[in-house]
Structure formats: C-alpha cells, structure tokens
Amino acid sequence: MDNVAETAAMAALTQTRYKLLSDPDATVIKGYGVYDLLGDGVAAPSVFIVGPNMKLEWSYVGKDVGDRPSVADILIHLEQRLATTKLRLHLLQ
C-alpha cells in the first residue's frame, strides 16, 4: 500500500533485484483477497506466482503476520513452474 516514492525507497534499502508494485489504494491486494484479513488494515503476508498466461499458479497466504513461506519453498514452486514451461516449449518444437 506504499506510494511510488516509498516503494522505490524500500527497493533501494533492501537492494531488491526485482520490480516491486506500488499499490497505494490497495487495489491489487483487494483483488487478490488479502486486504485486512488479519484485521490490521494492510495485506496479509502473501506470495503469488502468476504464470506467463497471467493465470495464478501458486499462492501462499499467511495466517498471521509472521506466517510466511520459506525462501526454499518459494524457489521449489518457481523451479517446478520453470521445468513445466521448458517441457511445454520442448513439446511445441
């Protein structure tokens, strides 16, 4: 729910190597259904993997502020999607 300047500052502070979304009106987090789930007026901790066709392929929504998937778990799901995509590309050749 940060504005563009706040999002850019966070990206610089954390040295993020991927794009962050600025969502000051909470439009996206409301669309994903994670806004105010914990009654705190912000998004619940969440990870969404969206495929190249814009289809939601995997998600994790935390049950409390500290409930987050491990980096290893996220990477496993990303690697599975990458392997599936490579297989699809191979089959199309």
Foldseek 3Di string as FASTA:
>chain_A
DAAPVVLVVVCVVVVDPDDDDHDPVCPVLVVVVQACPVVPRGGFDKDWDADPVRHTDDMDGAPDNPRDDDPVVVVVVVVVVVVVVVVVVVVVD
